[in-house]
């Protein structure tokens, strides 16, 4: 008799959606990040359409970059924000908040900037190579004056013999922003923050789908318990050899079929990772041991999971907002 672990309903990572699984895209991004940092480049621009999993990839990078580089390296993450009125004080204050640095009362921009520089300096000074990585998420929101604020930080660190590597992660508007800077003699911004690029993509083929599904077959909760995500929801079938990865070809083609049914065309298909995750979560929660208690998944249940993920509505919106080329 199989005895599942006693996990309160609603607390499993699948039910909370609070988990990060490696994907081929994340692995490729990590390879690019390691290359950029190892080569001593000042920055990298990572861009892609919404819902691809760029923010989760950022979290993955924070956790595993030091391990992949085989050396400690401090990594700081800040969320880029839009401001109705440009204010260096607000920009620096928000960065400090994202760095989880506490400060009291109102302080002018010079003091706030120096606090950021000191934090980055102190962290990098105790790391081999005197390097620090700053990840700016939602980078499409950054405007020229915000980049100028970052340049001030960058220059102060250079004077202290500290190298700041800035990874800007955002949507495809980043490419247009870089073109604008180049066309308007702002190469100093491009040279520091956008010297190279990486396009982050969704799931584009069966191989990538298989890699994603296999991650659910191999991720455990609780850790080192032997209770893989798939096994927790379908214990009997899992123990008999059933795996989500076995659905990779059929599931990828089902996404294509559903797209066609709703009139969504285009030669280059990339399924945003967020909607693949929502689909898998729906399939497990609705039909697994905490839901319908089915022995295994049917393709009709996979179809329902796709439809409930919000994928179709999102793709229709994207098709209307941006014509297929």
Protein backbone atom coordinates (compact mmCIF):
# COMPACT_ATOMS: atom_id res chain seq x y z
CA UNK A 1 0.00 0.00 0.00
CA UNK A 2 1.33 3.42 -0.98
CA UNK A 3 1.24 6.00 1.81
CA UNK A 4 1.47 9.55 0.51
CA UNK A 5 3.13 12.17 2.74
CA UNK A 6 0.74 14.21 4.86
CA UNK A 7 0.92 17.59 3.17
CA UNK A 8 -1.85 20.07 4.08
CA UNK A 9 -4.06 20.92 1.13
CA UNK A 10 -2.89 24.09 -0.57
CA UNK A 11 0.72 23.90 0.61
CA UNK A 12 2.30 21.72 -2.07
CA UNK A 13 4.48 23.76 -4.48
CA UNK A 14 2.20 22.76 -7.37
CA UNK A 15 -0.82 24.20 -5.57
CA UNK A 16 0.99 27.37 -4.56
CA UNK A 17 2.80 27.84 -7.86
CA UNK A 18 5.94 28.64 -5.87
CA UNK A 19 8.65 26.59 -7.50
CA UNK A 20 11.34 26.99 -10.12
CA UNK A 21 12.26 24.10 -12.38
CA UNK A 22 15.21 24.15 -14.78
CA UNK A 23 14.29 24.44 -18.45
CA UNK A 24 16.46 24.36 -21.55
CA UNK A 25 15.94 28.10 -21.91
CA UNK A 26 17.07 28.76 -18.35
CA UNK A 27 20.10 26.53 -18.88
CA UNK A 28 21.01 28.43 -22.06
CA UNK A 29 20.54 31.75 -20.31
CA UNK A 30 22.77 30.60 -17.46
CA UNK A 31 25.46 29.60 -19.96
CA UNK A 32 25.27 33.10 -21.47
CA UNK A 33 25.44 34.76 -18.06
CA UNK A 34 28.48 32.71 -17.10
CA UNK A 35 30.15 33.66 -20.39
CA UNK A 36 29.45 37.38 -19.94
CA UNK A 37 30.67 37.44 -16.35
CA UNK A 38 33.74 35.30 -17.06
CA UNK A 39 34.68 37.51 -20.03
CA UNK A 40 34.40 40.63 -17.91
CA UNK A 41 31.72 42.27 -20.06
CA UNK A 42 29.96 45.22 -18.36
CA UNK A 43 26.43 44.12 -19.17
CA UNK A 44 23.89 41.95 -20.97
CA UNK A 45 20.41 42.63 -22.28
CA UNK A 46 17.97 39.72 -21.93
CA UNK A 47 14.62 40.18 -23.65
CA UNK A 48 11.55 38.28 -24.75
CA UNK A 49 7.78 38.44 -24.97
CA UNK A 50 5.72 38.47 -21.73
CA UNK A 51 5.05 35.32 -19.67
CA UNK A 52 8.15 33.43 -20.81
CA UNK A 53 9.45 32.98 -17.28
CA UNK A 54 12.17 35.65 -17.38
CA UNK A 55 11.59 36.71 -13.78
CA UNK A 56 11.78 33.14 -12.49
CA UNK A 57 14.92 32.70 -14.56
CA UNK A 58 16.30 35.73 -12.71
CA UNK A 59 15.60 34.06 -9.37
CA UNK A 60 17.26 30.88 -10.62
CA UNK A 61 20.30 32.92 -11.64
CA UNK A 62 20.60 34.50 -8.20
CA UNK A 63 20.59 31.07 -6.57
CA UNK A 64 22.94 29.24 -8.91
CA UNK A 65 25.32 31.74 -10.54
CA UNK A 66 27.99 31.40 -7.81
CA UNK A 67 27.85 27.61 -8.13
CA UNK A 68 28.19 27.69 -11.92
CA UNK A 69 31.05 30.19 -11.72
CA UNK A 70 32.77 28.04 -9.08
CA UNK A 71 33.35 31.18 -7.04
CA UNK A 72 31.29 33.39 -4.74
CA UNK A 73 29.86 36.43 -6.47
CA UNK A 74 27.31 38.81 -4.96
CA UNK A 75 24.10 39.21 -6.96
CA UNK A 76 21.58 41.99 -6.35
CA UNK A 77 18.15 42.26 -7.98
CA UNK A 78 16.06 45.41 -8.41
CA UNK A 79 12.69 45.89 -10.11
CA UNK A 80 12.64 48.71 -12.65
CA UNK A 81 9.74 51.08 -12.11
CA UNK A 82 7.98 53.83 -14.02
CA UNK A 83 7.88 57.34 -12.56
CA UNK A 84 5.52 60.14 -13.52
CA UNK A 85 8.16 62.66 -12.50
CA UNK A 86 11.84 61.73 -12.92
CA UNK A 87 13.49 61.54 -9.51
CA UNK A 88 16.91 60.11 -8.77
CA UNK A 89 15.98 60.08 -5.09
CA UNK A 90 12.98 57.80 -5.72
CA UNK A 91 15.02 55.59 -8.05
CA UNK A 92 17.82 55.08 -5.52
CA UNK A 93 15.35 54.63 -2.67
CA UNK A 94 13.52 51.92 -4.60
CA UNK A 95 16.81 50.16 -5.38
CA UNK A 96 17.74 50.14 -1.70
CA UNK A 97 14.32 48.73 -0.83
CA UNK A 98 14.76 45.95 -3.40
CA UNK A 99 18.21 45.25 -1.95
CA UNK A 100 16.43 44.86 1.42
CA UNK A 101 18.50 47.65 2.89
CA UNK A 102 16.73 49.54 5.65
CA UNK A 103 16.99 53.30 5.99
CA UNK A 104 15.19 55.82 8.14
CA UNK A 105 13.72 59.16 7.24
CA UNK A 106 14.09 61.25 4.11
CA UNK A 107 17.53 61.37 2.54
CA UNK A 108 18.77 63.19 -0.53
CA UNK A 109 19.87 61.42 -3.68
CA UNK A 110 23.60 61.80 -2.97
CA UNK A 111 23.34 59.98 0.36
CA UNK A 112 21.11 57.28 -1.15
CA UNK A 113 23.46 56.75 -4.10
CA UNK A 114 26.46 56.51 -1.80
CA UNK A 115 24.62 53.92 0.28
CA UNK A 116 24.09 51.80 -2.83
CA UNK A 117 27.72 52.19 -3.87
CA UNK A 118 28.91 51.24 -0.39
CA UNK A 119 26.68 48.14 -0.30
CA UNK A 120 27.91 46.94 -3.69
CA UNK A 121 31.52 47.81 -2.84
CA UNK A 122 31.48 45.97 0.47
CA UNK A 123 29.90 42.87 -1.09
CA UNK A 124 32.34 42.77 -4.03
CA UNK A 125 35.40 43.51 -1.91
CA UNK A 126 35.04 40.19 -0.10
CA UNK A 127 34.52 38.20 -3.33
CA UNK A 128 37.22 36.92 -5.68
CA UNK A 129 37.59 39.16 -8.72
CA UNK A 130 36.04 42.20 -6.98
CA UNK A 131 32.89 41.83 -9.09
CA UNK A 132 29.22 42.36 -8.35
CA UNK A 133 26.19 41.50 -10.50
CA UNK A 134 23.17 43.81 -10.55
CA UNK A 135 20.04 42.45 -12.24
CA UNK A 136 17.49 45.04 -13.33
CA UNK A 137 14.18 43.24 -13.89
CA UNK A 138 11.39 44.76 -16.02
CA UNK A 139 14.17 46.63 -17.81
CA UNK A 140 11.88 47.94 -20.57
CA UNK A 141 10.72 50.55 -18.03
CA UNK A 142 14.19 52.08 -17.69
CA UNK A 143 14.55 55.49 -19.32
CA UNK A 144 17.61 57.58 -20.12
CA UNK A 145 17.73 59.38 -16.77
CA UNK A 146 17.56 56.06 -14.89
CA UNK A 147 20.45 54.72 -16.94
CA UNK A 148 22.34 57.91 -16.06
CA UNK A 149 21.75 57.11 -12.37
CA UNK A 150 23.16 53.62 -12.93
CA UNK A 151 26.15 55.12 -14.75
CA UNK A 152 26.90 57.25 -11.67
CA UNK A 153 26.93 54.08 -9.56
CA UNK A 154 29.04 52.25 -12.15
CA UNK A 155 31.61 55.05 -12.33
CA UNK A 156 31.98 55.33 -8.57
CA UNK A 157 32.58 51.60 -8.30
CA UNK A 158 35.18 51.73 -11.10
CA UNK A 159 37.07 54.36 -9.09
CA UNK A 160 37.10 51.90 -6.20
CA UNK A 161 38.36 49.16 -8.54
CA UNK A 162 35.05 47.27 -8.38
CA UNK A 163 33.47 45.90 -11.57
CA UNK A 164 29.67 46.12 -11.76
CA UNK A 165 28.06 43.78 -14.29
CA UNK A 166 24.49 44.82 -15.10
CA UNK A 167 22.01 42.28 -16.46
CA UNK A 168 18.92 44.03 -17.83
CA UNK A 169 15.94 41.71 -18.23
CA UNK A 170 12.75 42.82 -19.93
CA UNK A 171 10.35 42.66 -22.84
CA UNK A 172 11.07 43.17 -26.52
CA UNK A 173 10.81 46.96 -26.18
CA UNK A 174 14.36 46.78 -24.83
CA UNK A 175 15.60 46.25 -28.39
CA UNK A 176 13.80 49.40 -29.55
CA UNK A 177 15.22 51.32 -26.60
CA UNK A 178 18.75 50.30 -27.53
CA UNK A 179 18.17 51.32 -31.18
CA UNK A 180 16.91 54.69 -29.98
CA UNK A 181 20.00 55.23 -27.84
CA UNK A 182 22.31 54.35 -30.72
CA UNK A 183 20.46 56.65 -33.11
CA UNK A 184 20.70 59.53 -30.64
CA UNK A 185 24.40 59.31 -29.77
CA UNK A 186 23.84 57.55 -26.45
CA UNK A 187 26.42 54.85 -27.08
CA UNK A 188 27.77 55.31 -23.53
CA UNK A 189 24.53 53.73 -22.25
CA UNK A 190 24.59 50.89 -24.77
CA UNK A 191 28.27 50.20 -24.12
CA UNK A 192 27.77 49.82 -20.39
CA UNK A 193 24.41 48.08 -20.20
CA UNK A 194 23.59 46.61 -23.62
CA UNK A 195 26.85 45.51 -25.27
CA UNK A 196 25.43 42.03 -25.93
CA UNK A 197 22.00 40.45 -25.94
CA UNK A 198 20.18 37.20 -25.36
CA UNK A 199 16.67 36.49 -26.60
CA UNK A 200 14.71 34.45 -24.08
CA UNK A 201 12.17 32.14 -25.70
CA UNK A 202 9.30 29.92 -24.67
CA UNK A 203 8.91 26.23 -25.44
CA UNK A 204 9.53 25.91 -29.19
CA UNK A 205 9.70 22.18 -29.86
CA UNK A 206 9.04 18.69 -28.49
CA UNK A 207 12.53 18.39 -27.01
CA UNK A 208 12.01 21.46 -24.84
CA UNK A 209 8.55 20.26 -23.82
CA UNK A 210 10.03 16.92 -22.78
CA UNK A 211 12.69 18.65 -20.70
CA UNK A 212 10.04 20.69 -18.87
CA UNK A 213 7.76 17.73 -18.19
CA UNK A 214 10.69 15.62 -17.05
CA UNK A 215 11.46 18.28 -14.46
CA UNK A 216 8.07 17.61 -12.85
CA UNK A 217 8.91 13.91 -12.84
CA UNK A 218 12.19 14.59 -11.02
CA UNK A 219 11.42 17.46 -8.62
CA UNK A 220 10.68 16.31 -5.06
CA UNK A 221 8.55 17.61 -2.23
CA UNK A 222 9.38 17.24 0.57
CA UNK A 223 13.03 17.36 -0.50
CA UNK A 224 14.82 14.01 -0.66
CA UNK A 225 11.58 12.19 0.17
CA UNK A 226 11.24 10.28 -3.10
CA UNK A 227 7.88 11.97 -3.62
CA UNK A 228 8.29 13.54 -7.00
CA UNK A 229 5.66 16.04 -8.11
CA UNK A 230 4.15 13.60 -10.59
CA UNK A 231 4.22 10.75 -8.09
CA UNK A 232 2.46 12.80 -5.40
CA UNK A 233 -0.56 13.29 -7.66
CA UNK A 234 -0.51 9.95 -9.50
CA UNK A 235 1.30 7.52 -7.16
CA UNK A 236 0.13 4.22 -8.64
CA UNK A 237 0.79 5.15 -12.25
CA UNK A 238 4.15 6.72 -11.40
CA UNK A 239 5.27 3.59 -9.56
CA UNK A 240 4.20 1.57 -12.61
CA UNK A 241 6.44 3.65 -14.87
CA UNK A 242 4.14 6.46 -15.96
CA UNK A 243 5.83 9.82 -16.47
CA UNK A 244 4.63 13.24 -17.62
CA UNK A 245 7.59 13.32 -20.02
CA UNK A 246 5.89 10.54 -22.00
CA UNK A 247 3.25 13.13 -23.03
CA UNK A 248 5.81 15.56 -24.48
CA UNK A 249 5.06 14.95 -28.17
CA UNK A 250 1.29 14.71 -27.78
CA UNK A 251 1.09 17.72 -25.48
CA UNK A 252 3.20 19.96 -27.71
CA UNK A 253 1.10 19.00 -30.74
CA UNK A 254 -2.07 19.56 -28.72
CA UNK A 255 -0.98 23.14 -28.08
CA UNK A 256 -0.54 23.53 -31.84
CA UNK A 257 -3.97 22.00 -32.53
CA UNK A 258 -5.67 24.29 -30.03
CA UNK A 259 -3.95 27.30 -31.59
CA UNK A 260 -5.18 26.29 -35.03
CA UNK A 261 -8.73 25.80 -33.76
CA UNK A 262 -8.77 29.40 -32.56
CA UNK A 263 -7.28 30.75 -35.78
CA UNK A 264 -3.84 31.45 -34.34
CA UNK A 265 -1.23 31.05 -37.03
CA UNK A 266 2.46 31.84 -37.37
CA UNK A 267 5.46 29.81 -38.44
CA UNK A 268 7.48 30.47 -35.28
CA UNK A 269 5.69 29.03 -32.28
CA UNK A 270 6.90 29.60 -28.74
CA UNK A 271 4.67 28.60 -25.84
CA UNK A 272 5.31 30.84 -22.83
CA UNK A 273 6.67 28.81 -19.94
CA UNK A 274 4.14 30.34 -17.58
CA UNK A 275 1.26 28.80 -19.54
CA UNK A 276 2.99 25.44 -19.79
CA UNK A 277 3.34 25.54 -16.00
CA UNK A 278 -0.31 26.58 -15.53
CA UNK A 279 -1.34 23.71 -17.81
CA UNK A 280 0.65 21.12 -15.88
CA UNK A 281 -0.56 22.49 -12.55
CA UNK A 282 -4.18 22.33 -13.73
CA UNK A 283 -3.76 18.77 -14.97
CA UNK A 284 -2.27 17.60 -11.68
CA UNK A 285 -4.58 19.50 -9.34
CA UNK A 286 -7.84 18.78 -11.14
CA UNK A 287 -7.26 15.12 -11.98
CA UNK A 288 -4.71 13.88 -9.45
CA UNK A 289 -4.98 12.45 -5.94
CA UNK A 290 -6.12 15.78 -4.46
CA UNK A 291 -8.77 16.24 -7.15
CA UNK A 292 -10.55 13.73 -9.36
CA UNK A 293 -8.34 10.82 -8.21
CA UNK A 294 -7.88 9.61 -11.79
CA UNK A 295 -5.33 6.89 -12.40
CA UNK A 296 -3.67 8.86 -15.20
CA UNK A 297 -4.21 11.73 -17.62
CA UNK A 298 -6.14 11.60 -20.89
CA UNK A 299 -5.61 14.00 -23.79
CA UNK A 300 -9.05 15.47 -23.15
CA UNK A 301 -7.94 16.32 -19.63
CA UNK A 302 -4.79 17.91 -21.02
CA UNK A 303 -6.96 19.95 -23.40
CA UNK A 304 -9.08 21.17 -20.49
CA UNK A 305 -5.90 22.08 -18.61
CA UNK A 306 -4.68 24.17 -21.56
CA UNK A 307 -8.03 25.93 -21.92
CA UNK A 308 -8.12 26.76 -18.20
CA UNK A 309 -4.55 28.09 -18.22
CA UNK A 310 -5.48 31.34 -19.96
CA UNK A 311 -3.11 30.53 -22.82
CA UNK A 312 -5.63 30.97 -25.63
CA UNK A 313 -6.90 34.33 -24.36
CA UNK A 314 -3.33 35.55 -24.02
CA UNK A 315 -2.36 34.43 -27.53
CA UNK A 316 -5.43 36.05 -29.06
CA UNK A 317 -4.54 39.29 -27.31
CA UNK A 318 -0.93 39.07 -28.49
CA UNK A 319 -2.08 38.41 -32.07
CA UNK A 320 -4.31 41.49 -32.00
CA UNK A 321 -1.70 43.68 -30.33
CA UNK A 322 1.13 42.65 -32.63
CA UNK A 323 0.44 41.34 -36.15
CA UNK A 324 2.27 38.17 -37.13
CA UNK A 325 5.17 38.85 -39.51
